[in-house]
């Protein structure tokens, strides 16, 4: 879980990165038909998806905080969300 000192943007970026890794691993396991290993990461994936969705919802509710992070961090947030969407689509 994110540390209490992380900003909502940092948290969203970190969770998105972890979710991308998990989804890419799941996709590779699907290609190799390793169903037992897919089942083993299902709980982690579910938790990461839940956390990611909470982060996105919080970001939408706290737009003032996100606007204060600056354009570089905002670009990172947008790239992280886009990466999750891309990997999820391929999954």
C-alpha atoms as a PDB file:
ATOM      1  CA  UNK A   1       0.000   0.000   0.000  1.00  0.00           C
ATOM      2  CA  UNK A   2       1.123   3.577  -0.532  1.00  0.00           C
ATOM      3  CA  UNK A   3       2.880   5.417   2.256  1.00  0.00           C
ATOM      4  CA  UNK A   4       0.964   8.195   4.026  1.00  0.00           C
ATOM      5  CA  UNK A   5       3.401  10.848   2.731  1.00  0.00           C
ATOM      6  CA  UNK A   6       2.765  10.151  -0.956  1.00  0.00           C
ATOM      7  CA  UNK A   7       0.653  12.604  -2.895  1.00  0.00           C
ATOM      8  CA  UNK A   8      -2.429  11.261  -4.689  1.00  0.00           C
ATOM      9  CA  UNK A   9      -0.503  11.605  -7.963  1.00  0.00           C
ATOM     10  CA  UNK A  10       2.471   9.613  -6.645  1.00  0.00           C
ATOM     11  CA  UNK A  11       0.157   6.941  -5.301  1.00  0.00           C
ATOM     12  CA  UNK A  12      -1.715   6.649  -8.585  1.00  0.00           C
ATOM     13  CA  UNK A  13       1.528   6.395 -10.558  1.00  0.00           C
ATOM     14  CA  UNK A  14       2.925   3.706  -8.232  1.00  0.00           C
ATOM     15  CA  UNK A  15      -0.244   1.617  -8.195  1.00  0.00           C
ATOM     16  CA  UNK A  16      -0.575   1.897 -11.972  1.00  0.00           C
ATOM     17  CA  UNK A  17       2.988   0.645 -12.426  1.00  0.00           C
ATOM     18  CA  UNK A  18       2.349  -2.358 -10.176  1.00  0.00           C
ATOM     19  CA  UNK A  19      -0.907  -3.122 -11.988  1.00  0.00           C
ATOM     20  CA  UNK A  20       0.814  -2.967 -15.386  1.00  0.00           C
ATOM     21  CA  UNK A  21       3.426  -5.489 -14.214  1.00  0.00           C
ATOM     22  CA  UNK A  22       0.717  -7.804 -12.911  1.00  0.00           C
ATOM     23  CA  UNK A  23      -1.368  -7.564 -16.100  1.00  0.00           C
ATOM     24  CA  UNK A  24       1.669  -8.155 -18.311  1.00  0.00           C
ATOM     25  CA  UNK A  25       2.560 -11.217 -16.222  1.00  0.00           C
ATOM     26  CA  UNK A  26      -0.993 -12.498 -16.522  1.00  0.00           C
ATOM     27  CA  UNK A  27      -0.957 -11.979 -20.289  1.00  0.00           C
ATOM     28  CA  UNK A  28       2.281 -13.944 -20.615  1.00  0.00           C
ATOM     29  CA  UNK A  29       0.819 -16.738 -18.502  1.00  0.00           C
ATOM     30  CA  UNK A  30      -2.309 -16.793 -20.669  1.00  0.00           C
ATOM     31  CA  UNK A  31      -0.200 -17.110 -23.805  1.00  0.00           C
ATOM     32  CA  UNK A  32       1.633 -20.040 -22.207  1.00  0.00           C
ATOM     33  CA  UNK A  33      -1.672 -21.523 -20.913  1.00  0.00           C
ATOM     34  CA  UNK A  34      -0.377 -21.650 -17.334  1.00  0.00           C
ATOM     35  CA  UNK A  35      -3.784 -21.618 -15.678  1.00  0.00           C
ATOM     36  CA  UNK A  36      -2.573 -22.596 -12.210  1.00  0.00           C
ATOM     37  CA  UNK A  37      -0.141 -19.674 -12.119  1.00  0.00           C
ATOM     38  CA  UNK A  38      -2.856 -17.316 -13.374  1.00  0.00           C
ATOM     39  CA  UNK A  39      -5.055 -18.428 -10.505  1.00  0.00           C
ATOM     40  CA  UNK A  40      -2.190 -17.775  -8.083  1.00  0.00           C
ATOM     41  CA  UNK A  41      -1.949 -14.093  -9.061  1.00  0.00           C
ATOM     42  CA  UNK A  42      -5.709 -13.492  -9.234  1.00  0.00           C
ATOM     43  CA  UNK A  43      -5.981 -12.091  -5.700  1.00  0.00           C
ATOM     44  CA  UNK A  44      -3.078  -9.700  -6.275  1.00  0.00           C
ATOM     45  CA  UNK A  45      -4.613  -8.528  -9.543  1.00  0.00           C
ATOM     46  CA  UNK A  46      -8.007  -8.017  -7.912  1.00  0.00           C
ATOM     47  CA  UNK A  47      -6.480  -5.952  -5.116  1.00  0.00           C
ATOM     48  CA  UNK A  48      -4.417  -3.857  -7.528  1.00  0.00           C
ATOM     49  CA  UNK A  49      -7.441  -3.177  -9.750  1.00  0.00           C
ATOM     50  CA  UNK A  50      -9.481  -2.172  -6.699  1.00  0.00           C
ATOM     51  CA  UNK A  51      -6.719   0.104  -5.426  1.00  0.00           C
ATOM     52  CA  UNK A  52      -6.165   1.619  -8.874  1.00  0.00           C
ATOM     53  CA  UNK A  53      -9.866   2.393  -9.257  1.00  0.00           C
ATOM     54  CA  UNK A  54      -9.913   4.008  -5.795  1.00  0.00           C
ATOM     55  CA  UNK A  55      -6.895   6.113  -6.739  1.00  0.00           C
ATOM     56  CA  UNK A  56      -8.551   7.238  -9.966  1.00  0.00           C
ATOM     57  CA  UNK A  57     -11.759   8.106  -8.125  1.00  0.00           C
ATOM     58  CA  UNK A  58      -9.816  10.005  -5.455  1.00  0.00           C
ATOM     59  CA  UNK A  59      -7.882  11.873  -8.137  1.00  0.00           C
ATOM     60  CA  UNK A  60     -11.118  12.929  -9.795  1.00  0.00           C
ATOM     61  CA  UNK A  61     -12.526  14.078  -6.445  1.00  0.00           C
ATOM     62  CA  UNK A  62      -9.337  15.942  -5.493  1.00  0.00           C
ATOM     63  CA  UNK A  63      -8.741  17.853  -8.701  1.00  0.00           C
ATOM     64  CA  UNK A  64      -7.291  20.838  -6.840  1.00  0.00           C
ATOM     65  CA  UNK A  65      -4.520  18.671  -5.417  1.00  0.00           C
ATOM     66  CA  UNK A  66      -3.741  17.165  -8.815  1.00  0.00           C
ATOM     67  CA  UNK A  67      -3.665  20.583 -10.451  1.00  0.00           C
ATOM     68  CA  UNK A  68      -1.097  21.686  -7.883  1.00  0.00           C
ATOM     69  CA  UNK A  69       1.427  18.984  -8.806  1.00  0.00           C
ATOM     70  CA  UNK A  70       2.575  20.692 -11.967  1.00  0.00           C
ATOM     71  CA  UNK A  71       2.576  19.704 -15.603  1.00  0.00           C
ATOM     72  CA  UNK A  72       5.431  17.180 -15.416  1.00  0.00           C
ATOM     73  CA  UNK A  73       3.781  15.100 -12.693  1.00  0.00           C
ATOM     74  CA  UNK A  74       0.393  15.445 -14.358  1.00  0.00           C
ATOM     75  CA  UNK A  75       1.934  14.095 -17.561  1.00  0.00           C
ATOM     76  CA  UNK A  76       3.261  11.122 -15.544  1.00  0.00           C
ATOM     77  CA  UNK A  77      -0.219  10.493 -14.149  1.00  0.00           C
ATOM     78  CA  UNK A  78      -1.760  10.608 -17.614  1.00  0.00           C
ATOM     79  CA  UNK A  79       0.933   8.306 -19.018  1.00  0.00           C
ATOM     80  CA  UNK A  80       0.465   5.829 -16.151  1.00  0.00           C
ATOM     81  CA  UNK A  81      -3.293   5.685 -16.662  1.00  0.00           C
ATOM     82  CA  UNK A  82      -2.866   5.337 -20.432  1.00  0.00           C
ATOM     83  CA  UNK A  83      -0.386   2.478 -19.915  1.00  0.00           C
ATOM     84  CA  UNK A  84      -2.847   0.626 -17.674  1.00  0.00           C
ATOM     85  CA  UNK A  85      -5.584   1.091 -20.268  1.00  0.00           C
ATOM     86  CA  UNK A  86      -3.290  -0.169 -23.046  1.00  0.00           C
ATOM     87  CA  UNK A  87      -2.092  -3.227 -21.147  1.00  0.00           C
ATOM     88  CA  UNK A  88      -5.613  -4.024 -19.912  1.00  0.00           C
ATOM     89  CA  UNK A  89      -6.909  -3.880 -23.483  1.00  0.00           C
ATOM     90  CA  UNK A  90      -4.236  -6.324 -24.640  1.00  0.00           C
ATOM     91  CA  UNK A  91      -4.896  -8.579 -21.636  1.00  0.00           C
END
